[in-house]
């Protein structure tokens, strides 16, 4: 008995597995059709959520990108994204919560968004910010920042509005160096500092005293212990705290902390630079403070970044 035409077709489809391909092509064709028709269908705009509708959203920077904006220690600020050398951290998006970070877009940030901190590079001799998108500055930075005693420093800013007793933060830093608590291990005498009689560069100096009997070398040299330098204000409180490395390296680092404590802004600023430029610590601190305050939105945008665009051409030619 001859097979019907319908049976032959079914057998052919099963043998060559045509049905799955037909289904796949049908779905693909449907998607193409839907995509084409979507151009002619009215779409509702996607709302952008803002914590405070009265706050302005990020304006465009000279490169046509959104400024990084928010509230820094009490003041609204705007920062070039190409100047910040790290992710700008906000209070509601801590660094360790990557999932939360992915859900928050820059477009959702306003001047009410509390900033917890960020970093940038600065040249203390002229106050120029390192800018990734400025060819001349990038070129100068690459040529200079690895040289011993160069003028570049990293500036790290932290929101200090939640700090306990902000005017005495740096006093507590030194207290930790001087503390000789009961039960301190006798085999680690080098972790307690003593004040030297003479100042250096207008700073009180604290070093780890004593000789290591195993090597017959000073503890501070043998173990590459940091020296501590502090400056006190008229009230006797420490307003500058610096620790510098003693190791025999080309670019021994210094960590330099100071506070910005104004009525409407409270910040802790940490600097990192080569020990060779420690004698200029006052100029370094003043330049860093001015650079931070320039982020305030009260300063005209073009005035803030004009110096960046007009620095002398050393690396690149016009």
C-alpha atoms as a PDB file:
ATOM      1  CA  UNK A   1       0.000   0.000   0.000  1.00  0.00           C
ATOM      2  CA  UNK A   2       1.404   3.277  -1.082  1.00  0.00           C
ATOM      3  CA  UNK A   3       2.166   5.904   1.530  1.00  0.00           C
ATOM      4  CA  UNK A   4       0.118   9.061   1.318  1.00  0.00           C
ATOM      5  CA  UNK A   5       1.743  12.323   0.337  1.00  0.00           C
ATOM      6  CA  UNK A   6       1.203  13.673   3.864  1.00  0.00           C
ATOM      7  CA  UNK A   7       3.009  10.698   5.385  1.00  0.00           C
ATOM      8  CA  UNK A   8       5.942  11.178   3.048  1.00  0.00           C
ATOM      9  CA  UNK A   9       6.233  14.837   4.046  1.00  0.00           C
ATOM     10  CA  UNK A  10       6.178  13.935   7.743  1.00  0.00           C
ATOM     11  CA  UNK A  11       8.879  11.311   7.184  1.00  0.00           C
ATOM     12  CA  UNK A  12      11.035  13.782   5.243  1.00  0.00           C
ATOM     13  CA  UNK A  13      10.747  16.444   8.020  1.00  0.00           C
ATOM     14  CA  UNK A  14      11.619  13.952  10.736  1.00  0.00           C
ATOM     15  CA  UNK A  15      14.543  12.535   8.777  1.00  0.00           C
ATOM     16  CA  UNK A  16      16.123  15.903   8.010  1.00  0.00           C
ATOM     17  CA  UNK A  17      15.135  17.648  11.277  1.00  0.00           C
ATOM     18  CA  UNK A  18      13.572  20.518   9.408  1.00  0.00           C
ATOM     19  CA  UNK A  19      10.989  21.455  12.064  1.00  0.00           C
ATOM     20  CA  UNK A  20      13.412  23.007  14.605  1.00  0.00           C
ATOM     21  CA  UNK A  21      14.971  25.109  11.866  1.00  0.00           C
ATOM     22  CA  UNK A  22      11.527  26.272  10.741  1.00  0.00           C
ATOM     23  CA  UNK A  23      10.631  27.295  14.274  1.00  0.00           C
ATOM     24  CA  UNK A  24      13.918  29.163  14.725  1.00  0.00           C
ATOM     25  CA  UNK A  25      13.467  31.027  11.443  1.00  0.00           C
ATOM     26  CA  UNK A  26       9.892  31.896  12.399  1.00  0.00           C
ATOM     27  CA  UNK A  27      10.969  33.388  15.737  1.00  0.00           C
ATOM     28  CA  UNK A  28      13.821  35.289  14.097  1.00  0.00           C
ATOM     29  CA  UNK A  29      11.451  36.700  11.493  1.00  0.00           C
ATOM     30  CA  UNK A  30       9.020  37.751  14.207  1.00  0.00           C
ATOM     31  CA  UNK A  31      11.737  39.611  16.097  1.00  0.00           C
ATOM     32  CA  UNK A  32      12.837  41.477  12.979  1.00  0.00           C
ATOM     33  CA  UNK A  33       9.250  42.479  12.254  1.00  0.00           C
ATOM     34  CA  UNK A  34       8.674  43.638  15.818  1.00  0.00           C
ATOM     35  CA  UNK A  35      11.856  45.716  15.761  1.00  0.00           C
ATOM     36  CA  UNK A  36      10.841  47.396  12.523  1.00  0.00           C
ATOM     37  CA  UNK A  37       7.354  48.222  13.744  1.00  0.00           C
ATOM     38  CA  UNK A  38       8.649  49.636  17.049  1.00  0.00           C
ATOM     39  CA  UNK A  39      10.018  52.666  15.214  1.00  0.00           C
ATOM     40  CA  UNK A  40       6.464  53.765  14.420  1.00  0.00           C
ATOM     41  CA  UNK A  41       4.924  53.083  17.835  1.00  0.00           C
ATOM     42  CA  UNK A  42       4.735  55.837  20.497  1.00  0.00           C
ATOM     43  CA  UNK A  43       6.970  55.074  23.465  1.00  0.00           C
ATOM     44  CA  UNK A  44       6.651  56.467  26.965  1.00  0.00           C
ATOM     45  CA  UNK A  45       9.774  58.263  28.208  1.00  0.00           C
ATOM     46  CA  UNK A  46      11.752  56.449  30.890  1.00  0.00           C
ATOM     47  CA  UNK A  47      11.696  58.553  34.066  1.00  0.00           C
ATOM     48  CA  UNK A  48      15.013  59.549  35.666  1.00  0.00           C
ATOM     49  CA  UNK A  49      14.934  59.302  39.430  1.00  0.00           C
ATOM     50  CA  UNK A  50      16.474  62.119  41.455  1.00  0.00           C
ATOM     51  CA  UNK A  51      16.753  62.221  45.222  1.00  0.00           C
ATOM     52  CA  UNK A  52      15.662  65.870  45.161  1.00  0.00           C
ATOM     53  CA  UNK A  53      13.864  67.329  42.156  1.00  0.00           C
ATOM     54  CA  UNK A  54      15.014  70.826  43.112  1.00  0.00           C
ATOM     55  CA  UNK A  55      18.672  69.842  42.627  1.00  0.00           C
ATOM     56  CA  UNK A  56      20.247  70.320  39.222  1.00  0.00           C
ATOM     57  CA  UNK A  57      21.521  67.333  37.297  1.00  0.00           C
ATOM     58  CA  UNK A  58      25.117  67.101  36.102  1.00  0.00           C
ATOM     59  CA  UNK A  59      26.130  69.725  33.514  1.00  0.00           C
ATOM     60  CA  UNK A  60      28.475  68.900  30.647  1.00  0.00           C
ATOM     61  CA  UNK A  61      32.212  69.399  31.056  1.00  0.00           C
ATOM     62  CA  UNK A  62      34.538  70.898  28.386  1.00  0.00           C
ATOM     63  CA  UNK A  63      34.823  67.433  26.815  1.00  0.00           C
ATOM     64  CA  UNK A  64      31.052  67.024  26.483  1.00  0.00           C
ATOM     65  CA  UNK A  65      30.855  64.492  29.318  1.00  0.00           C
ATOM     66  CA  UNK A  66      28.845  64.704  32.523  1.00  0.00           C
ATOM     67  CA  UNK A  67      30.586  66.313  35.469  1.00  0.00           C
ATOM     68  CA  UNK A  68      30.850  64.190  38.597  1.00  0.00           C
ATOM     69  CA  UNK A  69      28.605  66.053  41.014  1.00  0.00           C
ATOM     70  CA  UNK A  70      27.467  65.728  44.598  1.00  0.00           C
ATOM     71  CA  UNK A  71      27.770  67.135  48.094  1.00  0.00           C
ATOM     72  CA  UNK A  72      31.335  67.048  49.429  1.00  0.00           C
ATOM     73  CA  UNK A  73      31.533  67.504  53.180  1.00  0.00           C
ATOM     74  CA  UNK A  74      28.617  69.964  53.123  1.00  0.00           C
ATOM     75  CA  UNK A  75      29.150  71.846  49.847  1.00  0.00           C
ATOM     76  CA  UNK A  76      27.861  71.077  46.330  1.00  0.00           C
ATOM     77  CA  UNK A  77      30.756  70.348  43.975  1.00  0.00           C
ATOM     78  CA  UNK A  78      31.459  69.357  40.381  1.00  0.00           C
ATOM     79  CA  UNK A  79      34.584  67.485  39.253  1.00  0.00           C
ATOM     80  CA  UNK A  80      35.870  66.560  35.802  1.00  0.00           C
ATOM     81  CA  UNK A  81      35.516  62.812  35.386  1.00  0.00           C
ATOM     82  CA  UNK A  82      38.892  62.808  33.611  1.00  0.00           C
ATOM     83  CA  UNK A  83      40.539  64.439  36.652  1.00  0.00           C
ATOM     84  CA  UNK A  84      39.318  61.945  39.251  1.00  0.00           C
ATOM     85  CA  UNK A  85      41.837  59.089  39.349  1.00  0.00           C
ATOM     86  CA  UNK A  86      39.430  56.781  41.159  1.00  0.00           C
ATOM     87  CA  UNK A  87      35.742  56.005  41.253  1.00  0.00           C
ATOM     88  CA  UNK A  88      33.864  58.768  43.029  1.00  0.00           C
ATOM     89  CA  UNK A  89      32.346  57.057  46.035  1.00  0.00           C
ATOM     90  CA  UNK A  90      28.957  58.121  47.351  1.00  0.00           C
ATOM     91  CA  UNK A  91      27.538  57.370  50.794  1.00  0.00           C
ATOM     92  CA  UNK A  92      24.766  55.226  49.301  1.00  0.00           C
ATOM     93  CA  UNK A  93      27.061  53.207  47.011  1.00  0.00           C
ATOM     94  CA  UNK A  94      29.988  51.880  49.049  1.00  0.00           C
ATOM     95  CA  UNK A  95      32.891  50.500  47.067  1.00  0.00           C
ATOM     96  CA  UNK A  96      32.473  46.929  48.272  1.00  0.00           C
ATOM     97  CA  UNK A  97      28.823  46.720  47.125  1.00  0.00           C
ATOM     98  CA  UNK A  98      29.406  46.192  43.407  1.00  0.00           C
ATOM     99  CA  UNK A  99      25.809  45.159  42.717  1.00  0.00           C
ATOM    100  CA  UNK A 100      24.509  48.382  44.208  1.00  0.00           C
ATOM    101  CA  UNK A 101      27.075  50.399  42.297  1.00  0.00           C
ATOM    102  CA  UNK A 102      25.884  48.918  39.000  1.00  0.00           C
ATOM    103  CA  UNK A 103      22.277  49.879  39.733  1.00  0.00           C
ATOM    104  CA  UNK A 104      23.046  53.566  40.285  1.00  0.00           C
ATOM    105  CA  UNK A 105      23.713  55.693  37.203  1.00  0.00           C
ATOM    106  CA  UNK A 106      25.609  58.974  37.069  1.00  0.00           C
ATOM    107  CA  UNK A 107      22.479  60.589  35.612  1.00  0.00           C
ATOM    108  CA  UNK A 108      20.739  59.936  38.931  1.00  0.00           C
ATOM    109  CA  UNK A 109      23.287  61.992  40.884  1.00  0.00           C
ATOM    110  CA  UNK A 110      22.444  65.504  42.057  1.00  0.00           C
ATOM    111  CA  UNK A 111      24.160  68.105  44.189  1.00  0.00           C
ATOM    112  CA  UNK A 112      22.430  66.510  47.185  1.00  0.00           C
ATOM    113  CA  UNK A 113      24.179  63.150  46.652  1.00  0.00           C
ATOM    114  CA  UNK A 114      26.615  62.784  49.567  1.00  0.00           C
ATOM    115  CA  UNK A 115      30.156  61.990  48.375  1.00  0.00           C
ATOM    116  CA  UNK A 116      32.262  59.817  50.671  1.00  0.00           C
ATOM    117  CA  UNK A 117      35.537  60.399  48.814  1.00  0.00           C
ATOM    118  CA  UNK A 118      37.684  60.351  45.675  1.00  0.00           C
ATOM    119  CA  UNK A 119      41.305  60.851  44.523  1.00  0.00           C
ATOM    120  CA  UNK A 120      43.120  63.028  42.016  1.00  0.00           C
ATOM    121  CA  UNK A 121      46.706  63.992  41.117  1.00  0.00           C
ATOM    122  CA  UNK A 122      47.956  67.561  41.484  1.00  0.00           C
ATOM    123  CA  UNK A 123      51.213  69.376  40.750  1.00  0.00           C
ATOM    124  CA  UNK A 124      51.944  71.583  43.732  1.00  0.00           C
ATOM    125  CA  UNK A 125      54.198  74.062  41.902  1.00  0.00           C
ATOM    126  CA  UNK A 126      51.396  75.423  39.704  1.00  0.00           C
ATOM    127  CA  UNK A 127      48.177  73.793  40.937  1.00  0.00           C
ATOM    128  CA  UNK A 128      47.578  71.869  37.699  1.00  0.00           C
ATOM    129  CA  UNK A 129      45.351  68.800  37.967  1.00  0.00           C
ATOM    130  CA  UNK A 130      46.333  65.637  36.119  1.00  0.00           C
ATOM    131  CA  UNK A 131      43.714  65.322  33.380  1.00  0.00           C
ATOM    132  CA  UNK A 132      43.522  62.079  31.431  1.00  0.00           C
ATOM    133  CA  UNK A 133      41.964  63.788  28.400  1.00  0.00           C
ATOM    134  CA  UNK A 134      44.375  66.726  28.253  1.00  0.00           C
ATOM    135  CA  UNK A 135      47.227  65.551  26.009  1.00  0.00           C
ATOM    136  CA  UNK A 136      49.758  68.106  27.227  1.00  0.00           C
ATOM    137  CA  UNK A 137      49.135  67.506  30.926  1.00  0.00           C
ATOM    138  CA  UNK A 138      49.079  63.727  30.462  1.00  0.00           C
ATOM    139  CA  UNK A 139      52.404  63.899  28.655  1.00  0.00           C
ATOM    140  CA  UNK A 140      54.023  66.049  31.353  1.00  0.00           C
ATOM    141  CA  UNK A 141      52.682  63.799  34.113  1.00  0.00           C
ATOM    142  CA  UNK A 142      54.068  60.637  32.484  1.00  0.00           C
ATOM    143  CA  UNK A 143      57.494  62.232  32.061  1.00  0.00           C
ATOM    144  CA  UNK A 144      57.697  63.708  35.547  1.00  0.00           C
ATOM    145  CA  UNK A 145      55.857  61.637  38.151  1.00  0.00           C
ATOM    146  CA  UNK A 146      58.408  58.797  38.309  1.00  0.00           C
ATOM    147  CA  UNK A 147      61.348  61.157  38.839  1.00  0.00           C
ATOM    148  CA  UNK A 148      62.760  61.416  42.401  1.00  0.00           C
ATOM    149  CA  UNK A 149      61.556  64.595  44.094  1.00  0.00           C
ATOM    150  CA  UNK A 150      58.970  65.390  41.421  1.00  0.00           C
ATOM    151  CA  UNK A 151      56.225  67.948  42.129  1.00  0.00           C
ATOM    152  CA  UNK A 152      53.214  65.634  41.649  1.00  0.00           C
ATOM    153  CA  UNK A 153      51.156  64.383  44.566  1.00  0.00           C
ATOM    154  CA  UNK A 154      48.071  62.256  44.976  1.00  0.00           C
ATOM    155  CA  UNK A 155      45.236  63.969  46.811  1.00  0.00           C
ATOM    156  CA  UNK A 156      42.652  61.780  48.561  1.00  0.00           C
ATOM    157  CA  UNK A 157      39.534  63.426  49.978  1.00  0.00           C
ATOM    158  CA  UNK A 158      37.253  61.936  52.625  1.00  0.00           C
ATOM    159  CA  UNK A 159      33.973  63.309  53.934  1.00  0.00           C
ATOM    160  CA  UNK A 160      34.556  64.162  57.618  1.00  0.00           C
ATOM    161  CA  UNK A 161      31.039  65.265  58.568  1.00  0.00           C
ATOM    162  CA  UNK A 162      30.528  62.021  60.484  1.00  0.00           C
ATOM    163  CA  UNK A 163      33.900  62.027  62.255  1.00  0.00           C
ATOM    164  CA  UNK A 164      33.997  62.073  66.037  1.00  0.00           C
ATOM    165  CA  UNK A 165      35.495  65.367  67.262  1.00  0.00           C
ATOM    166  CA  UNK A 166      37.010  66.426  63.867  1.00  0.00           C
ATOM    167  CA  UNK A 167      39.337  69.132  65.286  1.00  0.00           C
ATOM    168  CA  UNK A 168      41.252  66.449  67.233  1.00  0.00           C
ATOM    169  CA  UNK A 169      41.441  63.692  64.602  1.00  0.00           C
ATOM    170  CA  UNK A 170      45.149  64.243  63.955  1.00  0.00           C
ATOM    171  CA  UNK A 171      45.927  64.481  67.674  1.00  0.00           C
ATOM    172  CA  UNK A 172      44.623  60.948  67.981  1.00  0.00           C
ATOM    173  CA  UNK A 173      46.946  59.871  65.165  1.00  0.00           C
ATOM    174  CA  UNK A 174      49.986  61.016  67.148  1.00  0.00           C
ATOM    175  CA  UNK A 175      48.596  59.562  70.378  1.00  0.00           C
ATOM    176  CA  UNK A 176      48.650  56.177  68.661  1.00  0.00           C
ATOM    177  CA  UNK A 177      52.367  56.600  67.900  1.00  0.00           C
ATOM    178  CA  UNK A 178      53.271  57.690  71.430  1.00  0.00           C
ATOM    179  CA  UNK A 179      51.093  55.262  73.335  1.00  0.00           C
ATOM    180  CA  UNK A 180      52.987  52.885  75.601  1.00  0.00           C
ATOM    181  CA  UNK A 181      50.089  50.735  76.705  1.00  0.00           C
ATOM    182  CA  UNK A 182      50.427  48.035  79.395  1.00  0.00           C
ATOM    183  CA  UNK A 183      51.447  44.688  78.035  1.00  0.00           C
ATOM    184  CA  UNK A 184      53.090  46.046  74.884  1.00  0.00           C
ATOM    185  CA  UNK A 185      55.423  43.269  73.625  1.00  0.00           C
ATOM    186  CA  UNK A 186      58.994  43.959  74.730  1.00  0.00           C
ATOM    187  CA  UNK A 187      60.348  42.489  71.517  1.00  0.00           C
ATOM    188  CA  UNK A 188      58.794  45.412  69.581  1.00  0.00           C
ATOM    189  CA  UNK A 189      60.310  48.533  71.172  1.00  0.00           C
ATOM    190  CA  UNK A 190      60.443  50.244  67.796  1.00  0.00           C
ATOM    191  CA  UNK A 191      56.709  50.904  67.611  1.00  0.00           C
ATOM    192  CA  UNK A 192      56.818  53.755  70.153  1.00  0.00           C
ATOM    193  CA  UNK A 193      57.961  57.221  69.122  1.00  0.00           C
ATOM    194  CA  UNK A 194      59.799  59.964  70.987  1.00  0.00           C
ATOM    195  CA  UNK A 195      59.978  63.677  70.240  1.00  0.00           C
ATOM    196  CA  UNK A 196      63.273  65.142  69.027  1.00  0.00           C
ATOM    197  CA  UNK A 197      64.620  68.352  70.559  1.00  0.00           C
ATOM    198  CA  UNK A 198      64.941  70.271  67.284  1.00  0.00           C
ATOM    199  CA  UNK A 199      62.304  71.024  64.692  1.00  0.00           C
ATOM    200  CA  UNK A 200      62.684  70.386  60.965  1.00  0.00           C
ATOM    201  CA  UNK A 201      61.069  72.677  58.381  1.00  0.00           C
ATOM    202  CA  UNK A 202      58.980  74.203  61.203  1.00  0.00           C
ATOM    203  CA  UNK A 203      57.618  70.794  62.215  1.00  0.00           C
ATOM    204  CA  UNK A 204      57.910  68.849  65.463  1.00  0.00           C
ATOM    205  CA  UNK A 205      59.700  65.567  64.731  1.00  0.00           C
ATOM    206  CA  UNK A 206      59.053  62.186  66.317  1.00  0.00           C
ATOM    207  CA  UNK A 207      61.279  59.181  65.674  1.00  0.00           C
ATOM    208  CA  UNK A 208      61.625  55.622  66.931  1.00  0.00           C
ATOM    209  CA  UNK A 209      64.663  55.705  69.250  1.00  0.00           C
ATOM    210  CA  UNK A 210      67.106  53.006  70.166  1.00  0.00           C
ATOM    211  CA  UNK A 211      69.554  50.562  68.626  1.00  0.00           C
ATOM    212  CA  UNK A 212      68.660  47.084  67.460  1.00  0.00           C
ATOM    213  CA  UNK A 213      71.097  44.775  69.343  1.00  0.00           C
ATOM    214  CA  UNK A 214      70.833  42.197  66.594  1.00  0.00           C
ATOM    215  CA  UNK A 215      72.186  44.499  63.886  1.00  0.00           C
ATOM    216  CA  UNK A 216      73.701  47.363  65.897  1.00  0.00           C
ATOM    217  CA  UNK A 217      71.748  49.786  63.710  1.00  0.00           C
ATOM    218  CA  UNK A 218      69.107  52.355  64.739  1.00  0.00           C
ATOM    219  CA  UNK A 219      65.648  50.804  64.714  1.00  0.00           C
ATOM    220  CA  UNK A 220      64.355  53.523  62.399  1.00  0.00           C
ATOM    221  CA  UNK A 221      67.009  52.683  59.811  1.00  0.00           C
ATOM    222  CA  UNK A 222      67.240  48.950  60.196  1.00  0.00           C
ATOM    223  CA  UNK A 223      63.513  48.377  59.993  1.00  0.00           C
ATOM    224  CA  UNK A 224      62.691  51.289  57.659  1.00  0.00           C
ATOM    225  CA  UNK A 225      60.386  52.818  60.260  1.00  0.00           C
ATOM    226  CA  UNK A 226      58.610  56.055  59.301  1.00  0.00           C
ATOM    227  CA  UNK A 227      59.487  59.393  60.865  1.00  0.00           C
ATOM    228  CA  UNK A 228      56.545  61.508  62.051  1.00  0.00           C
ATOM    229  CA  UNK A 229      56.268  65.280  61.550  1.00  0.00           C
ATOM    230  CA  UNK A 230      53.488  67.397  63.045  1.00  0.00           C
ATOM    231  CA  UNK A 231      52.437  71.023  63.089  1.00  0.00           C
ATOM    232  CA  UNK A 232      50.249  72.516  65.802  1.00  0.00           C
ATOM    233  CA  UNK A 233      47.872  75.455  65.559  1.00  0.00           C
ATOM    234  CA  UNK A 234      47.585  78.314  68.035  1.00  0.00           C
ATOM    235  CA  UNK A 235      45.347  76.165  70.263  1.00  0.00           C
ATOM    236  CA  UNK A 236      48.009  73.456  70.496  1.00  0.00           C
ATOM    237  CA  UNK A 237      46.056  70.986  68.364  1.00  0.00           C
ATOM    238  CA  UNK A 238      47.732  69.154  65.484  1.00  0.00           C
ATOM    239  CA  UNK A 239      46.587  70.522  62.128  1.00  0.00           C
ATOM    240  CA  UNK A 240      49.197  68.718  59.988  1.00  0.00           C
ATOM    241  CA  UNK A 241      50.356  65.112  60.405  1.00  0.00           C
ATOM    242  CA  UNK A 242      53.064  63.670  58.124  1.00  0.00           C
ATOM    243  CA  UNK A 243      54.735  60.238  58.089  1.00  0.00           C
ATOM    244  CA  UNK A 244      57.763  59.694  55.831  1.00  0.00           C
ATOM    245  CA  UNK A 245      59.511  56.472  54.880  1.00  0.00           C
ATOM    246  CA  UNK A 246      63.167  55.971  55.891  1.00  0.00           C
ATOM    247  CA  UNK A 247      64.056  53.214  53.452  1.00  0.00           C
ATOM    248  CA  UNK A 248      66.889  53.525  50.974  1.00  0.00           C
ATOM    249  CA  UNK A 249      64.771  53.998  47.840  1.00  0.00           C
ATOM    250  CA  UNK A 250      64.791  56.559  45.034  1.00  0.00           C
ATOM    251  CA  UNK A 251      61.408  58.022  45.883  1.00  0.00           C
ATOM    252  CA  UNK A 252      60.738  57.552  49.630  1.00  0.00           C
ATOM    253  CA  UNK A 253      57.034  58.318  50.141  1.00  0.00           C
ATOM    254  CA  UNK A 254      55.415  60.678  52.605  1.00  0.00           C
ATOM    255  CA  UNK A 255      51.808  60.516  53.743  1.00  0.00           C
ATOM    256  CA  UNK A 256      50.487  63.951  54.690  1.00  0.00           C
ATOM    257  CA  UNK A 257      47.108  64.498  56.411  1.00  0.00           C
ATOM    258  CA  UNK A 258      45.264  67.708  57.211  1.00  0.00           C
ATOM    259  CA  UNK A 259      41.680  68.758  57.820  1.00  0.00           C
ATOM    260  CA  UNK A 260      39.446  71.309  56.111  1.00  0.00           C
ATOM    261  CA  UNK A 261      37.093  72.395  58.878  1.00  0.00           C
ATOM    262  CA  UNK A 262      34.859  75.221  57.743  1.00  0.00           C
ATOM    263  CA  UNK A 263      31.337  75.995  58.884  1.00  0.00           C
ATOM    264  CA  UNK A 264      29.793  74.481  55.759  1.00  0.00           C
ATOM    265  CA  UNK A 265      32.505  71.954  54.796  1.00  0.00           C
ATOM    266  CA  UNK A 266      34.328  69.265  56.773  1.00  0.00           C
ATOM    267  CA  UNK A 267      36.916  67.085  55.023  1.00  0.00           C
ATOM    268  CA  UNK A 268      40.016  65.040  55.708  1.00  0.00           C
ATOM    269  CA  UNK A 269      42.631  65.455  52.998  1.00  0.00           C
ATOM    270  CA  UNK A 270      45.461  62.935  52.566  1.00  0.00           C
ATOM    271  CA  UNK A 271      48.452  63.643  50.328  1.00  0.00           C
ATOM    272  CA  UNK A 272      51.133  61.308  49.016  1.00  0.00           C
ATOM    273  CA  UNK A 273      54.423  62.611  47.603  1.00  0.00           C
ATOM    274  CA  UNK A 274      58.203  62.082  47.600  1.00  0.00           C
ATOM    275  CA  UNK A 275      60.119  62.842  50.793  1.00  0.00           C
ATOM    276  CA  UNK A 276      62.533  65.048  48.854  1.00  0.00           C
ATOM    277  CA  UNK A 277      59.881  67.787  48.665  1.00  0.00           C
ATOM    278  CA  UNK A 278      58.963  67.660  52.384  1.00  0.00           C
ATOM    279  CA  UNK A 279      60.666  71.055  52.999  1.00  0.00           C
ATOM    280  CA  UNK A 280      57.852  72.609  50.904  1.00  0.00           C
ATOM    281  CA  UNK A 281      55.042  71.029  52.968  1.00  0.00           C
ATOM    282  CA  UNK A 282      53.316  74.367  53.632  1.00  0.00           C
ATOM    283  CA  UNK A 283      53.142  75.240  49.945  1.00  0.00           C
ATOM    284  CA  UNK A 284      52.048  71.671  49.161  1.00  0.00           C
ATOM    285  CA  UNK A 285      49.233  71.788  51.709  1.00  0.00           C
ATOM    286  CA  UNK A 286      48.047  75.244  50.635  1.00  0.00           C
ATOM    287  CA  UNK A 287      47.971  74.195  46.952  1.00  0.00           C
ATOM    288  CA  UNK A 288      46.040  71.024  47.755  1.00  0.00           C
ATOM    289  CA  UNK A 289      43.493  72.898  49.884  1.00  0.00           C
ATOM    290  CA  UNK A 290      42.928  75.474  47.145  1.00  0.00           C
ATOM    291  CA  UNK A 291      42.498  72.704  44.555  1.00  0.00           C
ATOM    292  CA  UNK A 292      39.825  71.015  46.677  1.00  0.00           C
ATOM    293  CA  UNK A 293      37.926  74.258  47.299  1.00  0.00           C
ATOM    294  CA  UNK A 294      37.922  75.021  43.555  1.00  0.00           C
ATOM    295  CA  UNK A 295      35.461  72.148  43.043  1.00  0.00           C
ATOM    296  CA  UNK A 296      32.769  74.270  44.765  1.00  0.00           C
ATOM    297  CA  UNK A 297      29.998  75.104  42.238  1.00  0.00           C
ATOM    298  CA  UNK A 298      30.206  78.764  43.297  1.00  0.00           C
ATOM    299  CA  UNK A 299      33.388  78.983  41.218  1.00  0.00           C
ATOM    300  CA  UNK A 300      32.734  79.606  37.493  1.00  0.00           C
ATOM    301  CA  UNK A 301      33.448  76.470  35.476  1.00  0.00           C
ATOM    302  CA  UNK A 302      35.603  78.215  32.878  1.00  0.00           C
ATOM    303  CA  UNK A 303      37.686  79.960  35.549  1.00  0.00           C
ATOM    304  CA  UNK A 304      38.381  76.650  37.290  1.00  0.00           C
ATOM    305  CA  UNK A 305      39.650  74.856  34.195  1.00  0.00           C
ATOM    306  CA  UNK A 306      41.158  77.760  32.210  1.00  0.00           C
ATOM    307  CA  UNK A 307      44.623  77.105  33.631  1.00  0.00           C
ATOM    308  CA  UNK A 308      44.368  73.499  32.515  1.00  0.00           C
ATOM    309  CA  UNK A 309      43.860  74.503  28.905  1.00  0.00           C
ATOM    310  CA  UNK A 310      46.527  77.215  28.846  1.00  0.00           C
ATOM    311  CA  UNK A 311      49.573  75.537  30.386  1.00  0.00           C
ATOM    312  CA  UNK A 312      52.829  75.968  28.446  1.00  0.00           C
ATOM    313  CA  UNK A 313      53.312  73.368  25.704  1.00  0.00           C
ATOM    314  CA  UNK A 314      56.365  71.346  26.728  1.00  0.00           C
ATOM    315  CA  UNK A 315      55.498  67.885  25.403  1.00  0.00           C
ATOM    316  CA  UNK A 316      53.134  68.513  22.520  1.00  0.00           C
ATOM    317  CA  UNK A 317      53.310  71.007  19.721  1.00  0.00           C
ATOM    318  CA  UNK A 318      50.383  73.071  18.537  1.00  0.00           C
END
